[in-house]
Amino acid sequence: MFLNIKIKEARLEKRMTQKELANRLTSLNRKTSNTAIANWESGLNSPDVETLQLICKILDKDGNYFFDNNTPDNICASNMIISKYGENVEELLNNYARLNDLGKKKANENIKDLTKISEYVRGK
């Protein structure tokens, strides 16, 4: 799972609202708003390391909880993605994630163009 999902999962497990988590962080001298929490949980951005350490304390989670991607579900999903899209899918996704909106649009156009060329299409 991704960090944003793990933060939300841990917060909900503690039955805390985003506002309550923000208040707890603020009380520990890490001024935070519920909007910041919402942005972390939606994946728009991520907390810095020091803030994440405080989140671990507040939510009673070890730091590994937020970064352990070796759960059976994740391993199964990862293997399924690799078998369907190939070994270099992770590199492709990482490169794509680095692009801005214009770059992503251009990448999608290039991929569509490549699929029209039989030399590049599987099974042809």
N, C-alpha and C. Protein backbone atom coordinates (compact mmCIF):
# COMPACT_ATOMS: atom_id res chain seq x y z
N MET A 1 0.83 -1.19 0.00
CA MET A 1 0.00 0.00 0.00
C MET A 1 0.87 1.25 0.00
N PHE A 2 0.32 2.32 -0.46
CA PHE A 2 1.03 3.57 -0.52
C PHE A 2 0.92 4.30 0.82
N LEU A 3 1.87 5.20 1.05
CA LEU A 3 1.93 5.95 2.30
C LEU A 3 0.61 6.65 2.59
N ASN A 4 0.01 7.29 1.59
CA ASN A 4 -1.23 8.02 1.82
C ASN A 4 -2.34 7.10 2.35
N ILE A 5 -2.43 5.92 1.81
CA ILE A 5 -3.46 4.97 2.25
C ILE A 5 -3.16 4.48 3.66
N LYS A 6 -1.89 4.24 3.95
CA LYS A 6 -1.49 3.76 5.27
C LYS A 6 -1.77 4.81 6.35
N ILE A 7 -1.52 6.08 6.04
CA ILE A 7 -1.80 7.14 7.02
C ILE A 7 -3.30 7.15 7.33
N LYS A 8 -4.12 7.14 6.30
CA LYS A 8 -5.57 7.17 6.51
C LYS A 8 -6.03 5.92 7.27
N GLU A 9 -5.52 4.78 6.88
CA GLU A 9 -5.89 3.52 7.52
C GLU A 9 -5.57 3.55 9.02
N ALA A 10 -4.36 4.01 9.36
CA ALA A 10 -3.94 4.07 10.77
C ALA A 10 -4.76 5.09 11.55
N ARG A 11 -5.06 6.21 10.92
CA ARG A 11 -5.86 7.25 11.59
C ARG A 11 -7.26 6.73 11.88
N LEU A 12 -7.87 6.09 10.90
CA LEU A 12 -9.21 5.55 11.09
C LEU A 12 -9.24 4.43 12.12
N GLU A 13 -8.17 3.65 12.14
CA GLU A 13 -8.05 2.58 13.13
C GLU A 13 -8.09 3.15 14.56
N LYS A 14 -7.51 4.34 14.72
CA LYS A 14 -7.51 5.03 16.01
C LYS A 14 -8.78 5.84 16.23
N ARG A 15 -9.67 5.79 15.25
CA ARG A 15 -10.95 6.53 15.31
C ARG A 15 -10.72 8.02 15.50
N MET A 16 -9.77 8.54 14.73
CA MET A 16 -9.45 9.97 14.78
C MET A 16 -9.92 10.63 13.50
N THR A 17 -10.35 11.87 13.63
CA THR A 17 -10.65 12.67 12.44
C THR A 17 -9.34 13.30 11.96
N GLN A 18 -9.38 13.83 10.76
CA GLN A 18 -8.22 14.55 10.24
C GLN A 18 -7.91 15.74 11.14
N LYS A 19 -8.94 16.42 11.58
CA LYS A 19 -8.78 17.59 12.47
C LYS A 19 -8.12 17.18 13.79
N GLU A 20 -8.54 16.05 14.34
CA GLU A 20 -7.94 15.59 15.61
C GLU A 20 -6.46 15.26 15.42
N LEU A 21 -6.12 14.62 14.33
CA LEU A 21 -4.71 14.31 14.07
C LEU A 21 -3.92 15.61 13.89
N ALA A 22 -4.48 16.55 13.17
CA ALA A 22 -3.81 17.85 12.98
C ALA A 22 -3.60 18.55 14.32
N ASN A 23 -4.61 18.51 15.17
CA ASN A 23 -4.48 19.14 16.50
C ASN A 23 -3.41 18.46 17.34
N ARG A 24 -3.35 17.14 17.27
CA ARG A 24 -2.32 16.41 18.04
C ARG A 24 -0.92 16.77 17.54
N LEU A 25 -0.76 16.85 16.24
CA LEU A 25 0.54 17.23 15.68
C LEU A 25 0.90 18.66 16.09
N THR A 26 -0.08 19.56 16.05
CA THR A 26 0.15 20.95 16.44
C THR A 26 0.54 21.03 17.91
N SER A 27 -0.09 20.20 18.76
CA SER A 27 0.25 20.20 20.19
C SER A 27 1.66 19.70 20.45
N LEU A 28 2.24 18.99 19.46
CA LEU A 28 3.62 18.51 19.56
C LEU A 28 4.57 19.43 18.79
N ASN A 29 4.16 20.67 18.63
CA ASN A 29 4.96 21.71 17.96
C ASN A 29 5.19 21.45 16.47
N ARG A 30 4.27 20.77 15.83
CA ARG A 30 4.33 20.55 14.39
C ARG A 30 3.03 21.08 13.82
N LYS A 31 2.98 22.41 13.64
CA LYS A 31 1.73 23.06 13.20
C LYS A 31 1.24 22.42 11.91
N THR A 32 0.04 21.88 11.99
CA THR A 32 -0.54 21.14 10.87
C THR A 32 -2.03 21.43 10.80
N SER A 33 -2.56 21.48 9.60
CA SER A 33 -4.00 21.70 9.41
C SER A 33 -4.66 20.40 8.95
N ASN A 34 -5.96 20.35 9.09
CA ASN A 34 -6.68 19.18 8.58
C ASN A 34 -6.59 19.13 7.05
N THR A 35 -6.40 20.27 6.42
CA THR A 35 -6.21 20.29 4.96
C THR A 35 -4.91 19.58 4.58
N ALA A 36 -3.87 19.79 5.37
CA ALA A 36 -2.60 19.10 5.12
C ALA A 36 -2.79 17.59 5.24
N ILE A 37 -3.52 17.17 6.27
CA ILE A 37 -3.79 15.75 6.47
C ILE A 37 -4.56 15.20 5.26
N ALA A 38 -5.57 15.94 4.82
CA ALA A 38 -6.37 15.52 3.65
C ALA A 38 -5.49 15.39 2.42
N ASN A 39 -4.55 16.32 2.25
CA ASN A 39 -3.64 16.26 1.10
C ASN A 39 -2.72 15.05 1.18
N TRP A 40 -2.24 14.72 2.39
CA TRP A 40 -1.40 13.52 2.56
C TRP A 40 -2.20 12.29 2.21
N GLU A 41 -3.43 12.22 2.71
CA GLU A 41 -4.25 11.02 2.52
C GLU A 41 -4.74 10.87 1.08
N SER A 42 -4.80 11.94 0.35
CA SER A 42 -5.20 11.85 -1.06
C SER A 42 -4.00 11.65 -1.97
N GLY A 43 -2.80 11.72 -1.39
CA GLY A 43 -1.59 11.51 -2.17
C GLY A 43 -1.09 12.74 -2.89
N LEU A 44 -1.67 13.91 -2.60
CA LEU A 44 -1.21 15.14 -3.26
C LEU A 44 0.19 15.52 -2.82
N ASN A 45 0.50 15.25 -1.56
CA ASN A 45 1.86 15.42 -1.05
C ASN A 45 2.03 14.52 0.16
N SER A 46 3.19 14.55 0.77
CA SER A 46 3.50 13.66 1.89
C SER A 46 4.10 14.45 3.04
N PRO A 47 3.93 13.94 4.26
CA PRO A 47 4.55 14.62 5.40
C PRO A 47 6.06 14.45 5.35
N ASP A 48 6.78 15.41 5.96
CA ASP A 48 8.23 15.26 6.04
C ASP A 48 8.56 14.19 7.08
N VAL A 49 9.81 13.80 7.14
CA VAL A 49 10.24 12.70 8.00
C VAL A 49 9.92 12.96 9.47
N GLU A 50 10.21 14.17 9.94
CA GLU A 50 9.95 14.49 11.35
C GLU A 50 8.46 14.40 11.68
N THR A 51 7.63 14.88 10.78
CA THR A 51 6.18 14.80 10.99
C THR A 51 5.72 13.35 10.97
N LEU A 52 6.27 12.56 10.07
CA LEU A 52 5.90 11.16 10.01
C LEU A 52 6.29 10.43 11.30
N GLN A 53 7.42 10.80 11.88
CA GLN A 53 7.82 10.20 13.16
C GLN A 53 6.79 10.52 14.24
N LEU A 54 6.30 11.74 14.25
CA LEU A 54 5.26 12.11 15.22
C LEU A 54 3.95 11.37 14.95
N ILE A 55 3.62 11.21 13.68
CA ILE A 55 2.42 10.46 13.32
C ILE A 55 2.53 9.03 13.85
N CYS A 56 3.71 8.45 13.73
CA CYS A 56 3.93 7.10 14.26
C CYS A 56 3.62 7.04 15.75
N LYS A 57 4.10 8.04 16.49
CA LYS A 57 3.84 8.07 17.94
C LYS A 57 2.36 8.24 18.23
N ILE A 58 1.73 9.18 17.55
CA ILE A 58 0.31 9.47 17.80
C ILE A 58 -0.57 8.28 17.47
N LEU A 59 -0.26 7.60 16.36
CA LEU A 59 -1.11 6.50 15.89
C LEU A 59 -0.61 5.14 16.36
N ASP A 60 0.41 5.15 17.21
CA ASP A 60 0.97 3.89 17.76
C ASP A 60 1.39 2.91 16.67
N LYS A 61 2.13 3.42 15.71
CA LYS A 61 2.61 2.57 14.62
C LYS A 61 4.12 2.67 14.52
N ASP A 62 4.75 1.57 14.20
CA ASP A 62 6.17 1.53 13.90
C ASP A 62 6.37 2.14 12.52
N GLY A 63 7.50 2.78 12.29
CA GLY A 63 7.76 3.40 10.99
C GLY A 63 7.65 2.43 9.83
N ASN A 64 7.98 1.16 10.07
CA ASN A 64 7.89 0.15 9.01
C ASN A 64 6.46 -0.05 8.53
N TYR A 65 5.51 0.21 9.40
CA TYR A 65 4.10 0.06 9.03
C TYR A 65 3.76 0.86 7.77
N PHE A 66 4.33 2.07 7.69
CA PHE A 66 3.99 2.95 6.58
C PHE A 66 4.73 2.62 5.29
N PHE A 67 5.77 1.79 5.38
CA PHE A 67 6.57 1.52 4.19
C PHE A 67 6.70 0.05 3.85
N ASP A 68 6.06 -0.83 4.60
CA ASP A 68 6.14 -2.26 4.33
C ASP A 68 5.22 -2.62 3.17
N ASN A 69 5.82 -2.88 2.03
CA ASN A 69 5.03 -3.23 0.85
C ASN A 69 5.06 -4.72 0.57
N ASN A 70 5.55 -5.51 1.53
CA ASN A 70 5.68 -6.94 1.31
C ASN A 70 4.54 -7.75 1.91
N THR A 71 3.37 -7.15 2.00
CA THR A 71 2.21 -7.90 2.48
C THR A 71 1.78 -8.85 1.37
N PRO A 72 1.12 -9.96 1.71
CA PRO A 72 0.70 -10.91 0.67
C PRO A 72 -0.13 -10.27 -0.44
N ASP A 73 -1.03 -9.35 -0.08
CA ASP A 73 -1.84 -8.69 -1.11
C ASP A 73 -0.99 -7.88 -2.07
N ASN A 74 0.00 -7.14 -1.52
CA ASN A 74 0.85 -6.32 -2.37
C ASN A 74 1.75 -7.17 -3.26
N ILE A 75 2.27 -8.27 -2.72
CA ILE A 75 3.11 -9.16 -3.51
C ILE A 75 2.31 -9.76 -4.64
N CYS A 76 1.09 -10.21 -4.35
CA CYS A 76 0.21 -10.79 -5.36
C CYS A 76 -0.12 -9.77 -6.44
N ALA A 77 -0.49 -8.55 -6.03
CA ALA A 77 -0.82 -7.50 -7.00
C ALA A 77 0.39 -7.14 -7.84
N SER A 78 1.55 -7.05 -7.21
CA SER A 78 2.78 -6.71 -7.92
C SER A 78 3.11 -7.78 -8.96
N ASN A 79 3.00 -9.04 -8.59
CA ASN A 79 3.28 -10.12 -9.53
C ASN A 79 2.29 -10.12 -10.69
N MET A 80 1.03 -9.81 -10.40
CA MET A 80 0.01 -9.76 -11.44
C MET A 80 0.32 -8.63 -12.42
N ILE A 81 0.70 -7.48 -11.91
CA ILE A 81 1.02 -6.33 -12.77
C ILE A 81 2.23 -6.64 -13.64
N ILE A 82 3.26 -7.23 -13.04
CA ILE A 82 4.47 -7.57 -13.79
C ILE A 82 4.15 -8.59 -14.88
N SER A 83 3.34 -9.61 -14.55
CA SER A 83 3.02 -10.63 -15.55
C SER A 83 2.20 -10.04 -16.71
N LYS A 84 1.38 -9.05 -16.40
CA LYS A 84 0.55 -8.45 -17.44
C LYS A 84 1.30 -7.41 -18.27
N TYR A 85 2.13 -6.58 -17.61
CA TYR A 85 2.74 -5.44 -18.29
C TYR A 85 4.25 -5.54 -18.47
N GLY A 86 4.90 -6.53 -17.89
CA GLY A 86 6.33 -6.71 -18.09
C GLY A 86 7.17 -6.21 -16.94
N GLU A 87 8.41 -6.64 -16.94
CA GLU A 87 9.35 -6.35 -15.85
C GLU A 87 9.66 -4.87 -15.68
N ASN A 88 9.62 -4.11 -16.76
CA ASN A 88 10.02 -2.69 -16.67
C ASN A 88 8.86 -1.76 -16.32
N VAL A 89 7.73 -2.31 -15.86
CA VAL A 89 6.57 -1.48 -15.55
C VAL A 89 6.87 -0.49 -14.42
N GLU A 90 7.65 -0.91 -13.43
CA GLU A 90 7.96 -0.01 -12.32
C GLU A 90 8.76 1.20 -12.80
N GLU A 91 9.76 0.95 -13.64
CA GLU A 91 10.56 2.05 -14.19
C GLU A 91 9.68 2.97 -15.02
N LEU A 92 8.80 2.39 -15.82
CA LEU A 92 7.89 3.17 -16.66
C LEU A 92 7.00 4.06 -15.80
N LEU A 93 6.41 3.49 -14.75
CA LEU A 93 5.52 4.26 -13.88
C LEU A 93 6.28 5.35 -13.12
N ASN A 94 7.49 5.04 -12.67
CA ASN A 94 8.29 6.06 -11.97
C ASN A 94 8.63 7.22 -12.90
N ASN A 95 9.00 6.90 -14.13
CA ASN A 95 9.30 7.96 -15.09
C ASN A 95 8.05 8.78 -15.41
N TYR A 96 6.93 8.10 -15.58
CA TYR A 96 5.67 8.78 -15.88
C TYR A 96 5.27 9.71 -14.72
N ALA A 97 5.46 9.25 -13.50
CA ALA A 97 5.09 10.04 -12.32
C ALA A 97 5.92 11.32 -12.22
N ARG A 98 7.10 11.33 -12.79
CA ARG A 98 7.96 12.52 -12.75
C ARG A 98 7.52 13.59 -13.74
N LEU A 99 6.65 13.23 -14.67
CA LEU A 99 6.22 14.18 -15.70
C LEU A 99 5.16 15.13 -15.17
N ASN A 100 5.15 16.35 -15.72
CA ASN A 100 4.05 17.27 -15.42
C ASN A 100 2.88 16.92 -16.33
N ASP A 101 1.78 17.65 -16.25
CA ASP A 101 0.59 17.32 -17.03
C ASP A 101 0.85 17.34 -18.53
N LEU A 102 1.63 18.31 -18.98
CA LEU A 102 1.94 18.39 -20.41
C LEU A 102 2.78 17.19 -20.84
N GLY A 103 3.75 16.81 -20.02
CA GLY A 103 4.58 15.64 -20.33
C GLY A 103 3.77 14.36 -20.36
N LYS A 104 2.83 14.22 -19.43
CA LYS A 104 1.97 13.02 -19.40
C LYS A 104 1.09 12.96 -20.65
N LYS A 105 0.58 14.12 -21.07
CA LYS A 105 -0.24 14.16 -22.28
C LYS A 105 0.58 13.71 -23.48
N LYS A 106 1.80 14.23 -23.57
CA LYS A 106 2.69 13.89 -24.69
C LYS A 106 3.06 12.40 -24.65
N ALA A 107 3.34 11.87 -23.46
CA ALA A 107 3.67 10.44 -23.33
C ALA A 107 2.50 9.58 -23.80
N ASN A 108 1.30 9.94 -23.41
CA ASN A 108 0.12 9.18 -23.83
C ASN A 108 -0.06 9.22 -25.34
N GLU A 109 0.18 10.39 -25.94
CA GLU A 109 0.08 10.52 -27.39
C GLU A 109 1.12 9.62 -28.07
N ASN A 110 2.35 9.63 -27.53
CA ASN A 110 3.41 8.80 -28.11
C ASN A 110 3.08 7.31 -28.01
N ILE A 111 2.52 6.90 -26.89
CA ILE A 111 2.15 5.49 -26.72
C ILE A 111 1.06 5.12 -27.72
N LYS A 112 0.07 5.99 -27.88
CA LYS A 112 -0.99 5.72 -28.86
C LYS A 112 -0.40 5.58 -30.26
N ASP A 113 0.55 6.45 -30.59
CA ASP A 113 1.21 6.36 -31.90
C ASP A 113 1.96 5.04 -32.06
N LEU A 114 2.65 4.61 -31.02
CA LEU A 114 3.41 3.36 -31.09
C LEU A 114 2.49 2.16 -31.27
N THR A 115 1.30 2.20 -30.70
CA THR A 115 0.39 1.05 -30.84
C THR A 115 -0.17 0.92 -32.26
N LYS A 116 0.02 1.94 -33.07
CA LYS A 116 -0.43 1.89 -34.46
C LYS A 116 0.62 1.27 -35.39
N ILE A 117 1.80 1.00 -34.85
CA ILE A 117 2.90 0.45 -35.65
C ILE A 117 3.03 -1.03 -35.29
N SER A 118 2.75 -1.89 -36.24
CA SER A 118 2.69 -3.33 -35.97
C SER A 118 3.99 -3.88 -35.40
N GLU A 119 5.11 -3.30 -35.77
CA GLU A 119 6.41 -3.74 -35.26
C GLU A 119 6.50 -3.67 -33.73
N TYR A 120 5.74 -2.76 -33.13
CA TYR A 120 5.81 -2.53 -31.68
C TYR A 120 4.66 -3.17 -30.91
N VAL A 121 3.71 -3.76 -31.61
CA VAL A 121 2.53 -4.30 -30.95
C VAL A 121 2.67 -5.81 -30.75
N ARG A 122 2.38 -6.26 -29.54
CA ARG A 122 2.47 -7.68 -29.19
C ARG A 122 1.47 -8.48 -30.03
N GLY A 123 1.90 -9.66 -30.45
CA GLY A 123 1.01 -10.56 -31.17
C GLY A 123 0.82 -10.25 -32.63
N LYS A 124 1.59 -9.33 -33.16
CA LYS A 124 1.44 -9.01 -34.60
C LYS A 124 2.70 -9.37 -35.33
